[in-house]
Amino acid sequence: MTQFKTAFTIFLSLIVEAFPFLLLGVMLSSALLFLVDERRLLGLIPKQPLLGALAGSAIGFLFPVCECGNVPVARRFLLQGFPPSVAVGFLLAAPTINPVVIWSTWTAFRGQPEVVVLRMLFSLIIATGIAWIFSAQADLRPLLQPGIVRLMPKPEREKPGRKLEGLDPESSNLLAGGNFLIGASGKPMRLDESSWEMTQIPQDIAKQPWSARVRLFFDNALQELRELGGMLIIGSAIAAIIQVGMPRDLILAVGTGPVTSILAMMLLGAVVSICSTVDAFFALSFASTFTSASLLAFLVFGPMIDIKSVGLMLSVFKARTIAYLLVLAAQLTFVLTFLYHTID
């Protein structure tokens, strides 16, 4: 009974801690309906794969969301037709490459400024590297959930003057949430779940009255919150169960060597699922036991891949895609932090 109460307390704490940031990400995602012209933004993204991956990772600085709020925004980028490298780079970098996390890490490790700098640098290198690898996949659709694929515009064909199929140059309809299909006319059609009927959505959101635009904003936000909120609850429940079933003493016992300490803190970062805005204070409690390299492993790997965020990612990516992300992020994190340990 005591373990159940502990697990339930951890579960509630994860939900309370993560939900505001998930809500922030959903609101930002919905705000893109009105604030972002996808044609202009797409035009600013470098076409070169490596530069595109770097741009996607750096965009996270403009969207101060953690690993709970980055998923809806990354999903919105995919629906807007952004290159896969941009969406993947943002997904992995946004939890740490943003002003809020930089400030909180500096507050916790003010006496070790190298931890703050290296956390940002390693996160940027890993996110950009993985996004660059994913840029080799010209069409990301085989790696995405079918529901996301149905909402995405078709890939652009390399023909002069050819428009992006599924996107009306006068509208941003595919930015809207909910379920959509491409109708016979080539225009996006919305599937109304309450009546299971297809209805045409407005062709130019910017010209719609404010009442219609506000309604669309809240409809989109509620749709995404319903989808991602369920994943958040499942991921938080799994994280709470594992935390209770895996005593911290077990992790501490294997954290004495340079290799095992890094692996132990990476595992801890994935299991405890602490929000990236506050995880620096949690890591600080291990400063007397673990090396700076292992603390960096916790601060870099945890925000990218943890149990809670994996639950959210499953609403966008297939399981094997998340496995690729996990393996690549783990390998790069270990290599960079171990190199730092040997130099330090």
Protein backbone atom coordinates (compact mmCIF):
# COMPACT_ATOMS: atom_id res chain seq x y z
CA MET A 1 0.00 0.00 0.00
CA THR A 2 2.88 2.35 0.83
CA GLN A 3 4.44 1.73 -2.60
CA PHE A 4 1.09 2.40 -4.26
CA LYS A 5 0.75 5.73 -2.44
CA THR A 6 4.31 6.66 -3.41
CA ALA A 7 3.69 5.77 -7.05
CA PHE A 8 0.43 7.69 -7.10
CA THR A 9 2.13 10.73 -5.56
CA ILE A 10 4.89 10.60 -8.19
CA PHE A 11 2.27 10.17 -10.92
CA LEU A 12 0.34 13.24 -9.77
CA SER A 13 3.52 15.28 -9.38
CA LEU A 14 4.58 14.45 -12.95
CA ILE A 15 1.17 15.42 -14.29
CA VAL A 16 1.05 18.67 -12.31
CA GLU A 17 4.61 19.54 -13.33
CA ALA A 18 4.27 18.64 -17.00
CA PHE A 19 0.73 19.71 -17.86
CA PRO A 20 1.36 23.49 -17.88
CA PHE A 21 4.20 23.01 -20.36
CA LEU A 22 2.13 20.66 -22.50
CA LEU A 23 -0.61 23.28 -22.49
CA LEU A 24 1.93 25.94 -23.47
CA GLY A 25 3.10 23.81 -26.40
CA VAL A 26 -0.46 23.18 -27.56
CA MET A 27 -1.30 26.89 -27.36
CA LEU A 28 1.83 27.78 -29.32
CA SER A 29 0.97 25.12 -31.87
CA SER A 30 -2.54 26.51 -32.29
CA ALA A 31 -1.22 30.09 -32.42
CA LEU A 32 0.76 29.14 -35.53
CA LEU A 33 -2.58 29.08 -37.31
CA PHE A 34 -2.63 32.89 -37.15
CA LEU A 35 0.93 34.00 -36.51
CA VAL A 36 2.94 32.00 -39.02
CA ASP A 37 2.82 32.16 -42.81
CA GLU A 38 4.13 28.69 -43.65
CA ARG A 39 5.09 29.68 -47.19
CA ARG A 40 7.37 32.47 -45.94
CA LEU A 41 8.79 30.40 -43.09
CA LEU A 42 9.48 27.46 -45.38
CA GLY A 43 11.30 29.83 -47.70
CA LEU A 44 13.63 30.88 -44.87
CA ILE A 45 14.69 27.32 -44.03
CA PRO A 46 18.03 26.42 -45.68
CA LYS A 47 17.70 23.71 -48.31
CA GLN A 48 21.08 22.20 -47.46
CA PRO A 49 20.36 19.25 -45.10
CA LEU A 50 22.96 20.08 -42.44
CA LEU A 51 22.04 23.77 -42.32
CA GLY A 52 18.36 22.82 -42.22
CA ALA A 53 19.01 20.51 -39.27
CA LEU A 54 20.94 23.26 -37.49
CA ALA A 55 18.14 25.76 -38.16
CA GLY A 56 15.55 23.34 -36.75
CA SER A 57 17.60 22.85 -33.60
CA ALA A 58 18.13 26.58 -33.15
CA ILE A 59 14.42 27.38 -33.59
CA GLY A 60 13.92 25.87 -30.14
CA PHE A 61 15.41 29.03 -28.67
CA LEU A 62 12.38 30.95 -29.93
CA PHE A 63 9.87 28.48 -28.43
CA PRO A 64 10.50 28.11 -24.67
CA VAL A 65 8.85 24.68 -24.28
CA CYS A 66 10.11 21.58 -22.51
CA GLU A 67 9.87 17.92 -23.54
CA CYS A 68 6.11 18.02 -22.92
CA GLY A 69 5.43 21.08 -25.08
CA ASN A 70 7.85 20.39 -27.94
CA VAL A 71 5.85 17.48 -29.40
CA PRO A 72 2.75 19.45 -30.49
CA VAL A 73 4.91 22.18 -32.01
CA ALA A 74 7.11 19.65 -33.84
CA ARG A 75 3.97 17.94 -35.08
CA ARG A 76 2.72 21.28 -36.35
CA PHE A 77 5.97 21.75 -38.27
CA LEU A 78 5.42 18.39 -39.97
CA LEU A 79 1.85 19.35 -40.88
CA GLN A 80 3.13 22.60 -42.34
CA GLY A 81 5.38 20.69 -44.68
CA PHE A 82 8.69 21.53 -43.02
CA PRO A 83 11.65 19.27 -43.91
CA PRO A 84 11.98 16.28 -41.57
CA SER A 85 15.34 17.56 -40.32
CA VAL A 86 13.73 20.76 -39.02
CA ALA A 87 10.99 18.96 -37.10
CA VAL A 88 13.37 16.35 -35.63
CA GLY A 89 15.97 18.97 -34.74
CA PHE A 90 13.37 21.06 -32.94
CA LEU A 91 11.92 18.00 -31.19
CA LEU A 92 15.28 17.07 -29.67
CA ALA A 93 16.79 20.51 -29.06
CA ALA A 94 13.84 22.58 -27.85
CA PRO A 95 13.72 21.09 -24.32
CA THR A 96 17.20 22.45 -23.56
CA ILE A 97 17.95 25.11 -26.19
CA ASN A 98 15.60 27.72 -24.81
CA PRO A 99 15.98 30.72 -22.46
CA VAL A 100 13.98 29.21 -19.59
CA VAL A 101 16.15 26.09 -19.31
CA ILE A 102 19.38 28.04 -19.77
CA TRP A 103 18.35 30.31 -16.91
CA SER A 104 17.36 27.44 -14.60
CA THR A 105 20.58 25.51 -15.35
CA TRP A 106 22.66 28.61 -14.62
CA THR A 107 20.80 29.11 -11.34
CA ALA A 108 21.53 25.53 -10.25
CA PHE A 109 25.14 25.31 -11.49
CA ARG A 110 26.28 28.87 -11.04
CA GLY A 111 29.52 27.59 -9.55
CA GLN A 112 30.11 25.33 -12.59
CA PRO A 113 29.46 27.47 -15.68
CA GLU A 114 31.04 24.80 -17.88
CA VAL A 115 28.04 22.55 -17.14
CA VAL A 116 25.67 25.21 -18.48
CA VAL A 117 27.71 25.81 -21.64
CA LEU A 118 28.37 22.14 -22.38
CA ARG A 119 24.73 21.21 -21.80
CA MET A 120 23.67 23.64 -24.52
CA LEU A 121 26.55 22.70 -26.83
CA PHE A 122 26.12 18.92 -26.52
CA SER A 123 22.35 19.19 -26.95
CA LEU A 124 22.79 21.27 -30.09
CA ILE A 125 25.37 18.88 -31.55
CA ILE A 126 23.26 15.79 -30.84
CA ALA A 127 19.99 17.28 -32.09
CA THR A 128 21.61 18.63 -35.26
CA GLY A 129 23.45 15.37 -35.91
CA ILE A 130 20.35 13.19 -35.54
CA ALA A 131 18.24 15.60 -37.59
CA TRP A 132 20.90 15.51 -40.31
CA ILE A 133 20.74 11.72 -40.32
CA PHE A 134 16.95 11.86 -40.65
CA SER A 135 17.30 14.27 -43.58
CA ALA A 136 18.51 11.28 -45.61
CA GLN A 137 14.91 10.05 -45.40
CA ALA A 138 13.40 12.19 -48.16
CA ASP A 139 9.86 11.16 -47.22
CA LEU A 140 9.29 10.78 -43.48
CA ARG A 141 5.82 9.29 -43.92
CA PRO A 142 6.84 5.62 -43.44
CA LEU A 143 8.15 6.59 -39.98
CA LEU A 144 5.03 8.47 -38.86
CA GLN A 145 1.70 7.38 -37.42
CA PRO A 146 -1.00 6.97 -40.10
CA GLY A 147 -3.13 9.72 -38.56
CA ILE A 148 -0.30 12.22 -38.98
CA VAL A 149 0.40 11.08 -42.55
CA ARG A 150 -3.19 11.81 -43.55
CA LEU A 151 -2.83 15.40 -42.38
CA MET A 152 0.48 16.14 -44.07
CA PRO A 153 0.79 17.84 -47.46
CA LYS A 154 2.21 15.65 -50.20
CA PRO A 155 5.96 15.92 -50.95
CA GLU A 156 6.91 18.61 -53.44
CA ARG A 157 7.98 17.30 -56.83
CA GLU A 158 11.07 18.75 -58.46
CA LYS A 159 9.28 20.34 -61.41
CA PRO A 160 9.40 24.02 -62.39
CA GLY A 161 6.33 25.90 -61.27
CA ARG A 162 4.79 22.92 -59.49
CA LYS A 163 2.88 23.80 -56.33
CA LEU A 164 2.98 21.76 -53.16
CA GLU A 165 0.09 19.34 -53.51
CA GLY A 166 -2.58 19.66 -50.89
CA LEU A 167 -1.67 23.26 -50.00
CA ASP A 168 -3.73 26.13 -51.34
CA PRO A 169 -1.38 29.14 -51.78
CA GLU A 170 -4.11 31.34 -50.37
CA SER A 171 -4.71 29.37 -47.21
CA SER A 172 -3.15 27.57 -44.28
CA ASN A 173 -5.89 24.99 -43.86
CA LEU A 174 -3.58 22.09 -43.15
CA LEU A 175 -2.35 23.94 -40.06
CA ALA A 176 -5.67 23.24 -38.37
CA GLY A 177 -5.98 20.37 -35.89
CA GLY A 178 -8.46 17.56 -36.00
CA ASN A 179 -8.91 14.93 -38.70
CA PHE A 180 -8.57 15.91 -42.35
CA LEU A 181 -8.69 14.20 -45.70
CA ILE A 182 -7.75 15.48 -49.15
CA GLY A 183 -10.97 15.68 -51.15
CA ALA A 184 -11.47 15.01 -54.85
CA SER A 185 -10.95 18.71 -55.56
CA GLY A 186 -7.53 18.58 -53.93
CA LYS A 187 -8.67 20.78 -51.05
CA PRO A 188 -8.45 19.72 -47.39
CA MET A 189 -11.71 18.43 -45.97
CA ARG A 190 -12.37 18.18 -42.24
CA LEU A 191 -13.92 15.09 -40.72
CA ASP A 192 -16.33 16.16 -37.99
CA GLU A 193 -16.00 13.44 -35.37
CA SER A 194 -19.32 14.28 -33.74
CA SER A 195 -21.36 13.66 -36.88
CA TRP A 196 -18.83 11.70 -38.96
CA GLU A 197 -19.54 14.03 -41.87
CA MET A 198 -17.00 15.83 -44.02
CA THR A 199 -17.32 19.59 -44.05
CA GLN A 200 -15.30 22.18 -45.94
CA ILE A 201 -13.17 24.38 -43.68
CA PRO A 202 -12.59 28.07 -44.48
CA GLN A 203 -10.27 28.61 -47.44
CA ASP A 204 -8.60 31.72 -46.04
CA ILE A 205 -8.32 31.79 -42.27
CA ALA A 206 -6.86 35.29 -42.26
CA LYS A 207 -10.02 36.68 -43.89
CA GLN A 208 -12.41 34.98 -41.53
CA PRO A 209 -14.09 37.03 -38.78
CA TRP A 210 -12.36 37.01 -35.42
CA SER A 211 -15.12 34.93 -33.87
CA ALA A 212 -14.51 32.13 -36.39
CA ARG A 213 -10.74 32.36 -35.98
CA VAL A 214 -10.95 32.21 -32.18
CA ARG A 215 -13.28 29.23 -32.39
CA LEU A 216 -10.86 27.47 -34.72
CA PHE A 217 -8.01 28.25 -32.32
CA PHE A 218 -9.77 26.64 -29.36
CA ASP A 219 -11.04 23.70 -31.44
CA ASN A 220 -7.49 22.96 -32.54
CA ALA A 221 -6.09 23.37 -29.01
CA LEU A 222 -8.72 21.06 -27.50
CA GLN A 223 -8.14 18.44 -30.18
CA GLU A 224 -4.38 18.35 -29.58
CA LEU A 225 -4.75 18.53 -25.81
CA ARG A 226 -7.09 15.55 -25.88
CA GLU A 227 -4.71 13.49 -28.02
CA LEU A 228 -1.44 14.39 -26.28
CA GLY A 229 -2.93 14.57 -22.79
CA GLY A 230 -3.83 10.89 -22.93
CA MET A 231 -0.26 10.02 -23.91
CA LEU A 232 1.05 12.20 -21.08
CA ILE A 233 -1.06 10.33 -18.53
CA ILE A 234 0.12 6.93 -19.79
CA GLY A 235 3.77 7.98 -19.85
CA SER A 236 3.60 9.50 -16.37
CA ALA A 237 1.99 6.35 -14.98
CA ILE A 238 4.75 4.15 -16.43
CA ALA A 239 7.44 6.51 -15.10
CA ALA A 240 5.92 6.43 -11.60
CA ILE A 241 5.73 2.62 -11.58
CA ILE A 242 9.34 2.27 -12.68
CA GLN A 243 10.58 4.80 -10.14
CA VAL A 244 8.95 2.84 -7.33
CA GLY A 245 10.06 -0.54 -8.68
CA MET A 246 13.67 0.53 -9.28
CA PRO A 247 15.26 1.79 -6.03
CA ARG A 248 17.62 4.74 -6.38
CA ASP A 249 20.23 2.81 -4.36
CA LEU A 250 20.52 0.34 -7.24
CA ILE A 251 21.40 3.12 -9.65
CA LEU A 252 23.84 4.66 -7.19
CA ALA A 253 25.56 1.31 -6.72
CA VAL A 254 26.58 1.11 -10.38
CA GLY A 255 27.55 4.78 -10.61
CA THR A 256 31.08 4.55 -9.27
CA GLY A 257 33.04 4.12 -12.52
CA PRO A 258 33.49 6.61 -15.38
CA VAL A 259 31.48 4.47 -17.80
CA THR A 260 28.86 3.07 -15.45
CA SER A 261 28.22 6.46 -13.84
CA ILE A 262 27.38 8.01 -17.21
CA LEU A 263 25.14 5.08 -18.11
CA ALA A 264 23.46 5.20 -14.70
CA MET A 265 22.65 8.92 -14.98
CA MET A 266 21.37 8.48 -18.53
CA LEU A 267 19.08 5.74 -17.26
CA LEU A 268 18.01 7.91 -14.34
CA GLY A 269 17.25 10.81 -16.68
CA ALA A 270 15.06 8.58 -18.85
CA VAL A 271 13.23 7.04 -15.89
CA VAL A 272 12.50 9.95 -13.57
CA SER A 273 11.07 12.07 -16.44
CA ILE A 274 11.68 15.42 -14.75
CA CYS A 275 10.80 18.52 -16.75
CA SER A 276 13.86 20.14 -18.36
CA THR A 277 13.04 23.46 -16.69
CA VAL A 278 13.72 22.00 -13.23
CA ASP A 279 15.91 18.93 -13.84
CA ALA A 280 19.10 20.91 -13.15
CA PHE A 281 18.13 21.20 -9.48
CA PHE A 282 17.50 17.43 -9.32
CA ALA A 283 20.90 16.73 -10.91
CA LEU A 284 22.57 19.09 -8.45
CA SER A 285 21.59 16.74 -5.61
CA PHE A 286 23.92 14.11 -7.13
CA ALA A 287 26.88 16.48 -7.55
CA SER A 288 28.68 15.06 -4.51
CA THR A 289 28.33 11.47 -5.74
CA PHE A 290 28.64 11.62 -9.52
CA THR A 291 31.14 13.27 -11.87
CA SER A 292 30.37 16.36 -13.93
CA ALA A 293 30.34 14.18 -17.05
CA SER A 294 27.62 11.93 -15.65
CA LEU A 295 25.58 14.97 -14.56
CA LEU A 296 25.87 16.29 -18.10
CA ALA A 297 24.65 12.93 -19.43
CA PHE A 298 21.58 13.27 -17.23
CA LEU A 299 20.94 16.89 -18.30
CA VAL A 300 21.43 16.19 -22.02
CA PHE A 301 19.82 12.78 -22.54
CA GLY A 302 16.87 13.05 -20.14
CA PRO A 303 15.09 15.97 -21.87
CA MET A 304 15.51 14.32 -25.29
CA ILE A 305 14.31 10.82 -24.45
CA ASP A 306 12.40 9.99 -21.28
CA ILE A 307 9.45 7.74 -20.60
CA LYS A 308 6.99 10.61 -20.42
CA SER A 309 8.09 12.20 -23.70
CA VAL A 310 8.17 8.82 -25.44
CA GLY A 311 4.46 8.50 -24.67
CA LEU A 312 3.88 11.85 -26.36
CA MET A 313 6.11 10.97 -29.33
CA LEU A 314 4.02 7.85 -29.96
CA SER A 315 1.22 10.15 -31.06
CA VAL A 316 3.44 11.28 -33.96
CA PHE A 317 6.08 8.62 -34.68
CA LYS A 318 5.96 4.87 -35.01
CA ALA A 319 7.67 2.83 -32.30
CA ARG A 320 10.64 1.91 -34.48
CA THR A 321 11.27 5.59 -35.25
CA ILE A 322 11.41 6.38 -31.54
CA ALA A 323 13.79 3.43 -31.12
CA TYR A 324 16.08 5.02 -33.73
CA LEU A 325 15.96 8.33 -31.91
CA LEU A 326 16.66 6.68 -28.55
CA VAL A 327 19.66 4.67 -29.79
CA LEU A 328 21.22 7.59 -31.66
CA ALA A 329 20.70 10.04 -28.79
CA ALA A 330 22.09 7.56 -26.25
CA GLN A 331 25.19 6.81 -28.33
CA LEU A 332 26.02 10.44 -29.04
CA THR A 333 25.37 11.48 -25.43
CA PHE A 334 27.67 8.76 -24.12
CA VAL A 335 30.47 9.56 -26.58
CA LEU A 336 30.42 13.32 -25.91
CA THR A 337 30.18 13.06 -22.13
CA PHE A 338 32.84 10.33 -21.94
CA LEU A 339 35.20 12.47 -24.03
CA TYR A 340 34.57 15.33 -21.65
CA HIS A 341 35.35 13.02 -18.71
CA THR A 342 38.69 12.01 -20.22
CA ILE A 343 39.64 15.66 -20.85
CA ASP A 344 38.38 17.02 -17.52
